[in-house]
């Protein structure tokens, strides 16, 4: 069983409002994050990812998962942003699994990174997302909107 079978899971989350500065991890559910529900369709197939108040995501099933993180920002100074995917296999030690960076100078920027994770235990294998700026982080905005995806995370189970 694999992609396209009855065991497909897909869950997409998005930032619903702008914020400034670094976030380690980015956003918390119920405040700035929501599972996608509009404009058409829905943000989940199968079971949803769970996100706790610390911004840590838990997988609903074991298997190989494709994780994609898209970050949209607006810089008000010369700045480099780094968006990172962090994972843990023991619910304790976090490692940077993927990152991308983009320089900006008074402009809107977008960057994305992906990672395939083998989730063999849903209680200890988790993921979180960070954004850090090279300096003057208070003048850097991470973009979010509740009507469409800007900064967002997509999780797709590829196989069991």
Protein backbone atom coordinates (compact mmCIF):
# COMPACT_ATOMS: atom_id res chain seq x y z
CA UNK A 1 0.00 0.00 0.00
CA UNK A 2 1.32 3.40 -0.83
CA UNK A 3 0.62 6.68 -2.54
CA UNK A 4 -2.81 6.72 -4.14
CA UNK A 5 -4.09 3.85 -2.01
CA UNK A 6 -6.61 3.93 0.82
CA UNK A 7 -3.73 4.64 3.20
CA UNK A 8 -3.03 8.14 1.91
CA UNK A 9 -2.74 10.87 4.50
CA UNK A 10 -2.25 14.54 3.69
CA UNK A 11 -2.48 17.48 6.06
CA UNK A 12 -1.81 21.14 5.35
CA UNK A 13 -1.43 23.96 7.89
CA UNK A 14 -1.02 27.70 7.41
CA UNK A 15 -0.10 30.80 9.33
CA UNK A 16 -3.21 32.97 9.71
CA UNK A 17 -1.61 36.33 10.61
CA UNK A 18 1.66 38.21 10.17
CA UNK A 19 4.28 38.39 12.92
CA UNK A 20 7.72 39.97 13.24
CA UNK A 21 11.02 38.52 14.36
CA UNK A 22 12.42 35.04 14.86
CA UNK A 23 10.23 32.08 15.80
CA UNK A 24 11.68 28.86 17.22
CA UNK A 25 9.39 27.09 16.55
CA UNK A 26 7.02 29.01 14.31
CA UNK A 27 3.48 29.68 15.55
CA UNK A 28 1.15 27.74 17.75
CA UNK A 29 -2.30 26.32 16.88
CA UNK A 30 -5.26 28.33 18.05
CA UNK A 31 -3.21 31.51 17.89
CA UNK A 32 -1.62 31.84 14.47
CA UNK A 33 -1.88 28.36 12.88
CA UNK A 34 -4.82 26.50 11.41
CA UNK A 35 -5.38 23.45 9.30
CA UNK A 36 -6.31 24.69 5.81
CA UNK A 37 -10.09 24.84 5.31
CA UNK A 38 -10.65 27.22 2.37
CA UNK A 39 -11.07 28.60 -0.26
CA UNK A 40 -11.98 25.29 -1.96
CA UNK A 41 -11.61 21.75 -0.78
CA UNK A 42 -10.01 21.03 2.54
CA UNK A 43 -6.60 20.75 4.15
CA UNK A 44 -6.69 17.12 5.21
CA UNK A 45 -7.08 13.63 3.70
CA UNK A 46 -7.21 10.79 6.17
CA UNK A 47 -6.20 11.80 9.68
CA UNK A 48 -4.86 15.26 10.54
CA UNK A 49 -1.43 16.10 11.85
CA UNK A 50 -1.64 17.21 15.46
CA UNK A 51 0.09 20.40 16.62
CA UNK A 52 0.58 21.10 20.32
CA UNK A 53 0.78 24.50 22.03
CA UNK A 54 4.57 24.52 21.64
CA UNK A 55 4.31 24.32 17.83
CA UNK A 56 5.40 20.66 17.64
CA UNK A 57 3.67 18.46 15.03
CA UNK A 58 2.84 14.78 15.63
CA UNK A 59 2.16 12.32 12.81
CA UNK A 60 -1.14 10.38 12.75
CA UNK A 61 0.44 7.21 11.32
CA UNK A 62 3.81 5.58 10.77
CA UNK A 63 5.42 5.48 7.33
CA UNK A 64 7.48 7.65 5.02
CA UNK A 65 6.30 11.27 5.08
CA UNK A 66 7.11 14.13 2.73
CA UNK A 67 7.28 17.38 4.70
CA UNK A 68 7.27 20.71 2.86
CA UNK A 69 7.66 24.13 4.50
CA UNK A 70 7.00 27.33 2.57
CA UNK A 71 7.91 30.64 4.20
CA UNK A 72 6.84 34.06 2.90
CA UNK A 73 8.41 37.12 4.45
CA UNK A 74 8.82 40.84 3.95
CA UNK A 75 12.10 42.52 4.83
CA UNK A 76 12.33 46.17 5.81
CA UNK A 77 16.14 46.13 5.90
CA UNK A 78 18.88 44.20 4.12
CA UNK A 79 18.34 40.81 5.67
CA UNK A 80 18.77 37.07 5.17
CA UNK A 81 16.05 34.74 6.42
CA UNK A 82 16.58 31.05 7.12
CA UNK A 83 13.58 28.71 7.22
CA UNK A 84 14.32 25.33 8.82
CA UNK A 85 12.64 21.97 9.35
CA UNK A 86 13.70 20.32 12.63
CA UNK A 87 12.95 16.69 13.48
CA UNK A 88 13.27 14.43 16.49
CA UNK A 89 13.30 10.64 16.69
CA UNK A 90 13.36 10.44 20.48
CA UNK A 91 11.01 13.33 21.46
CA UNK A 92 14.01 15.10 22.99
CA UNK A 93 16.96 15.81 20.69
CA UNK A 94 16.12 18.10 17.74
CA UNK A 95 18.21 18.13 14.56
CA UNK A 96 18.00 20.43 11.57
CA UNK A 97 16.81 18.21 8.72
CA UNK A 98 16.47 20.88 6.01
CA UNK A 99 16.84 24.62 5.56
CA UNK A 100 16.70 27.29 2.93
CA UNK A 101 17.78 30.91 2.97
CA UNK A 102 16.92 33.97 0.94
CA UNK A 103 18.38 37.45 1.07
CA UNK A 104 15.98 40.36 0.98
CA UNK A 105 16.22 44.08 0.65
CA UNK A 106 12.94 45.89 1.28
CA UNK A 107 10.95 43.24 -0.58
CA UNK A 108 8.64 40.27 -0.25
CA UNK A 109 10.52 36.96 -0.34
CA UNK A 110 9.54 33.31 -0.53
CA UNK A 111 11.54 30.20 0.27
CA UNK A 112 10.71 26.53 0.64
CA UNK A 113 12.39 23.37 1.84
CA UNK A 114 11.38 19.71 1.96
CA UNK A 115 12.37 16.57 3.81
CA UNK A 116 11.31 12.90 3.68
CA UNK A 117 11.07 11.42 7.18
CA UNK A 118 10.75 7.75 8.15
CA UNK A 119 8.25 7.85 11.01
CA UNK A 120 8.45 4.49 12.76
CA UNK A 121 6.98 5.67 16.09
CA UNK A 122 4.28 8.36 16.23
CA UNK A 123 4.94 9.10 19.91
CA UNK A 124 8.63 10.01 19.49
CA UNK A 125 9.05 11.07 15.82
CA UNK A 126 7.98 14.73 15.50
CA UNK A 127 8.65 17.87 13.48
CA UNK A 128 8.76 21.64 14.01
CA UNK A 129 9.49 24.69 11.84
CA UNK A 130 11.70 27.71 12.56
CA UNK A 131 12.39 31.10 11.00
CA UNK A 132 15.48 33.10 11.94
CA UNK A 133 16.79 36.36 10.52
CA UNK A 134 20.43 37.42 10.17
CA UNK A 135 19.98 40.63 12.20
CA UNK A 136 17.43 43.22 13.28
CA UNK A 137 14.75 40.54 13.41
CA UNK A 138 12.15 42.96 14.75
CA UNK A 139 12.03 44.61 11.32
CA UNK A 140 11.30 41.34 9.47
CA UNK A 141 7.75 40.10 8.93
CA UNK A 142 6.60 36.53 8.37
CA UNK A 143 3.45 36.66 6.23
CA UNK A 144 0.26 34.75 7.02
CA UNK A 145 -3.41 34.92 6.05
CA UNK A 146 -6.49 32.89 7.01
CA UNK A 147 -7.95 33.08 3.47
CA UNK A 148 -5.01 31.65 1.47
CA UNK A 149 -1.63 29.98 1.94
CA UNK A 150 1.49 32.11 2.36
CA UNK A 151 3.61 30.61 5.14
CA UNK A 152 2.41 27.00 5.25
CA UNK A 153 3.39 23.40 5.95
CA UNK A 154 2.30 20.33 3.95
CA UNK A 155 2.58 16.74 5.18
CA UNK A 156 2.00 13.80 2.81
CA UNK A 157 2.35 10.14 3.72
CA UNK A 158 4.13 8.45 0.82
CA UNK A 159 3.99 4.85 2.05
CA UNK A 160 3.40 2.75 5.13
